[in-house]
Every structure is written in C-alpha cells, then in structure tokens.
Amino acid sequence: MIMIKLFAAMAEEAGEETIELPWMEGMSTADVKKWLGERYPMLAPHIPAAMVAVNQEFANVEETLRDGDEVAFLPPVSGG
C-alpha cells in the first residue's frame, strides 16, 4: 500500500489529508501523480507545481516506489 499525504489547498479540495493507493510492482511517483489527477480531478491544477517527497525526502519524477512508501505532495512555498 502507498500512503499519499496531501497538505494545504490540496487536502482541503480533496476533503482528506491521507489517501491509500494499492502498490503495484514498478510503480513510480509519476504513476501516483497521474492516478491522483484522475481520481481527484479538482487536484489536477495543483499537481504540476507540487513538490513530491517519498518517505520525507524530496523525490524525482520517476522515482520507483516500494510497498509501504509514503508519498507527500507539498505545495509551492512563497516568501516575502
């Protein structure tokens, strides 16, 4: 199982902070992004700008996932 964590506007729009996704051999962070956009269309505009972390470490787009991984989508940060 992959645990997807959402924060800020993404969590608000999805109506939940944690989503479970069945793990499949060869699954990557790109697959999770695609699934999330299809399952939760209201999140699609946020996904390209979100930073992705796997097990609390920033990940690249094609990082291969293992069963039990946590994938977090973090909103872009702006400062002033």
C-alpha atoms as a PDB file:
ATOM      1  CA  MET A   1       0.000   0.000   0.000  1.00  0.00           C
ATOM      2  CA  ILE A   2       1.182   3.529  -0.796  1.00  0.00           C
ATOM      3  CA  MET A   3       0.148   6.261   1.635  1.00  0.00           C
ATOM      4  CA  ILE A   4      -0.430   9.585  -0.117  1.00  0.00           C
ATOM      5  CA  LYS A   5      -0.255  12.680   2.094  1.00  0.00           C
ATOM      6  CA  LEU A   6      -1.828  15.956   0.986  1.00  0.00           C
ATOM      7  CA  PHE A   7      -1.281  19.391   2.502  1.00  0.00           C
ATOM      8  CA  ALA A   8      -2.821  22.867   2.375  1.00  0.00           C
ATOM      9  CA  ALA A   9      -5.171  23.536  -0.574  1.00  0.00           C
ATOM     10  CA  MET A  10      -4.774  20.019  -1.949  1.00  0.00           C
ATOM     11  CA  ALA A  11      -6.012  18.460   1.304  1.00  0.00           C
ATOM     12  CA  GLU A  12      -8.858  20.963   1.530  1.00  0.00           C
ATOM     13  CA  GLU A  13     -10.039  20.358  -2.029  1.00  0.00           C
ATOM     14  CA  ALA A  14      -9.756  16.563  -1.754  1.00  0.00           C
ATOM     15  CA  GLY A  15     -11.517  16.602   1.605  1.00  0.00           C
ATOM     16  CA  GLU A  16      -8.857  14.363   3.140  1.00  0.00           C
ATOM     17  CA  GLU A  17      -5.205  14.501   4.128  1.00  0.00           C
ATOM     18  CA  THR A  18      -4.314  10.836   3.639  1.00  0.00           C
ATOM     19  CA  ILE A  19      -5.233   8.562   0.734  1.00  0.00           C
ATOM     20  CA  GLU A  20      -4.322   4.884   0.351  1.00  0.00           C
ATOM     21  CA  LEU A  21      -3.321   3.550  -3.063  1.00  0.00           C
ATOM     22  CA  PRO A  22      -2.646  -0.154  -3.702  1.00  0.00           C
ATOM     23  CA  TRP A  23       1.022  -0.680  -4.577  1.00  0.00           C
ATOM     24  CA  MET A  24       1.995  -2.317  -7.860  1.00  0.00           C
ATOM     25  CA  GLU A  25       5.431  -3.562  -8.943  1.00  0.00           C
ATOM     26  CA  GLY A  26       7.310  -0.847 -10.836  1.00  0.00           C
ATOM     27  CA  MET A  27       5.054   1.983  -9.635  1.00  0.00           C
ATOM     28  CA  SER A  28       6.711   5.413  -9.747  1.00  0.00           C
ATOM     29  CA  THR A  29       5.969   8.859  -8.395  1.00  0.00           C
ATOM     30  CA  ALA A  30       4.786   9.774 -11.914  1.00  0.00           C
ATOM     31  CA  ASP A  31       2.199   6.977 -11.711  1.00  0.00           C
ATOM     32  CA  VAL A  32       0.950   8.322  -8.388  1.00  0.00           C
ATOM     33  CA  LYS A  33       0.662  11.840  -9.824  1.00  0.00           C
ATOM     34  CA  LYS A  34      -1.318  10.526 -12.794  1.00  0.00           C
ATOM     35  CA  TRP A  35      -3.627   8.429 -10.594  1.00  0.00           C
ATOM     36  CA  LEU A  36      -4.204  11.319  -8.196  1.00  0.00           C
ATOM     37  CA  GLY A  37      -5.177  13.682 -11.031  1.00  0.00           C
ATOM     38  CA  GLU A  38      -7.580  11.116 -12.487  1.00  0.00           C
ATOM     39  CA  ARG A  39      -9.153  10.074  -9.178  1.00  0.00           C
ATOM     40  CA  TYR A  40      -9.345  13.644  -7.827  1.00  0.00           C
ATOM     41  CA  PRO A  41      -9.754  15.927 -10.883  1.00  0.00           C
ATOM     42  CA  MET A  42     -10.019  19.001  -8.650  1.00  0.00           C
ATOM     43  CA  LEU A  43      -6.359  18.428  -7.703  1.00  0.00           C
ATOM     44  CA  ALA A  44      -5.072  18.303 -11.291  1.00  0.00           C
ATOM     45  CA  PRO A  45      -4.205  22.043 -11.405  1.00  0.00           C
ATOM     46  CA  HIS A  46      -2.115  21.727  -8.211  1.00  0.00           C
ATOM     47  CA  ILE A  47      -0.162  18.584  -9.072  1.00  0.00           C
ATOM     48  CA  PRO A  48       2.392  20.062 -11.546  1.00  0.00           C
ATOM     49  CA  ALA A  49       3.525  22.731  -9.048  1.00  0.00           C
ATOM     50  CA  ALA A  50       3.619  20.452  -6.002  1.00  0.00           C
ATOM     51  CA  MET A  51       6.905  19.130  -4.683  1.00  0.00           C
ATOM     52  CA  VAL A  52       6.886  15.369  -4.154  1.00  0.00           C
ATOM     53  CA  ALA A  53       8.564  13.685  -1.202  1.00  0.00           C
ATOM     54  CA  VAL A  54       8.922   9.949  -0.662  1.00  0.00           C
ATOM     55  CA  ASN A  55       9.380   8.893   2.947  1.00  0.00           C
ATOM     56  CA  GLN A  56      10.061  12.526   3.915  1.00  0.00           C
ATOM     57  CA  GLU A  57      12.812  13.039   1.298  1.00  0.00           C
ATOM     58  CA  PHE A  58      12.307  15.073  -1.866  1.00  0.00           C
ATOM     59  CA  ALA A  59      11.952  12.762  -4.857  1.00  0.00           C
ATOM     60  CA  ASN A  60      12.377  12.980  -8.606  1.00  0.00           C
ATOM     61  CA  VAL A  61       9.512  12.480 -11.039  1.00  0.00           C
ATOM     62  CA  GLU A  62      10.347   8.882 -11.902  1.00  0.00           C
ATOM     63  CA  GLU A  63      11.378   7.523  -8.515  1.00  0.00           C
ATOM     64  CA  THR A  64      10.349   3.884  -8.169  1.00  0.00           C
ATOM     65  CA  LEU A  65       8.219   3.173  -5.126  1.00  0.00           C
ATOM     66  CA  ARG A  66       8.159   0.237  -2.736  1.00  0.00           C
ATOM     67  CA  ASP A  67       5.232  -1.217  -0.855  1.00  0.00           C
ATOM     68  CA  GLY A  68       4.658   0.829   2.298  1.00  0.00           C
ATOM     69  CA  ASP A  69       6.156   4.072   0.972  1.00  0.00           C
ATOM     70  CA  GLU A  70       4.659   7.421   1.911  1.00  0.00           C
ATOM     71  CA  VAL A  71       4.301   9.936  -0.932  1.00  0.00           C
ATOM     72  CA  ALA A  72       3.645  13.530   0.110  1.00  0.00           C
ATOM     73  CA  PHE A  73       2.531  16.366  -2.147  1.00  0.00           C
ATOM     74  CA  LEU A  74       3.804  19.675  -0.798  1.00  0.00           C
ATOM     75  CA  PRO A  75       2.515  22.998  -2.111  1.00  0.00           C
ATOM     76  CA  PRO A  76       4.966  25.535  -3.516  1.00  0.00           C
ATOM     77  CA  VAL A  77       6.259  27.928  -0.883  1.00  0.00           C
ATOM     78  CA  SER A  78       6.376  31.654  -1.429  1.00  0.00           C
ATOM     79  CA  GLY A  79       8.025  34.173   0.759  1.00  0.00           C
ATOM     80  CA  GLY A  80       8.278  37.849   1.106  1.00  0.00           C
END
